[in-house]
């Protein structure tokens, strides 16, 4: 149960904290982008079963592969794409935390 709250807390509360601390002037727009980072979970639809609570997403699902994570990090270095990189890396951080807590 703790694993569930930590995982989804990072997914949904983490973006609120980031938007409040770093994007206060555009809070709602930034929050929407940061929360949309969860959309990379669309790759779960290609897995069988779609959801497995005992499966680590990192390096299993397509958009959770290491080479995609490197791309998400690269997004941080160009200001117009930085918030998208942050959104995707918050998602990856949540999933890494979930894997570590298994």
Foldseek 3Di string as FASTA:
>chain_A
DVLVCLLVCLLQVVLLVCLVPPVVVPSVVLSVLLNCLCVVLVQLVVDVVSDDLQDQPQCPGDCNDPVNLVVLVVLCVDVVSNSNSNSNVSNNVSSVSSNVVD
